């Protein structure tokens, strides 16, 4: 059994006891993991906050780290359910592809998508797929509105319009923060533009971003302004 598997076996075992917790001997008995391995893993998990140890009862309990991780997962699923109706409305009004993205480490992840049957260009925005922060509209929103995001040292160029200079990217993020929306003008895929706006949670923090992707020729008329206004409106409606 791999160490990661052993660790999760222990976490599952301890977590099943709720606030009561379990003593060392009982954890060994229930999991069947050797004492030496159990002792080492328990020590490591207490050190990182995944478990706590009560000296008075000699029992291990689940720690706040698991609560934070669980809250993050729950929030991700909640936002997907919450935002879906507004994505559908965004797609209905614009006739274009509408997507929801969230932050995952130092990259974005497509969490939901409403496709357009009339959209002739294939989009590589499958649910669960990662996207770069510096070259996408939703990525710029996450960079601009989420605290503590670390920009990668080397910025990959996808087209000749991709921002690969850190100073220019910081300036772009400042502009996005002030205007409340972001635009990807053929910066990751030639022939496509994307407009995104932030979705805020109950704590007032940016929980994700929604966007609308369309052919680049929309910039030649007032279609882009209509899409921008609709994206901003639906993002505001989706925010708690």
Foldseek 3Di string as FASTA:
>chain_A
DDLVVLLVLLLVVQAVVPPVAAALVVSCVVSVDDSVSSVVSLVVCCVVFQWPADPVVNGIHGGCVVVVVVVLVVLLVVLQVLLVVLQVVLCVVLVFKKWWWFDDQQWIFTADIDHHPPAPDDDPRDHGDTDHLQQAFQSLQCVLFPPPRDHDPADDFQDPPGDGDPVVSVVQSVVCNVVFKGKRQCRNHPQKMKIKGFAAEPVRGTGIMMMGMDGNCCVVDCSVVVSNVSRSVSSDVSHD
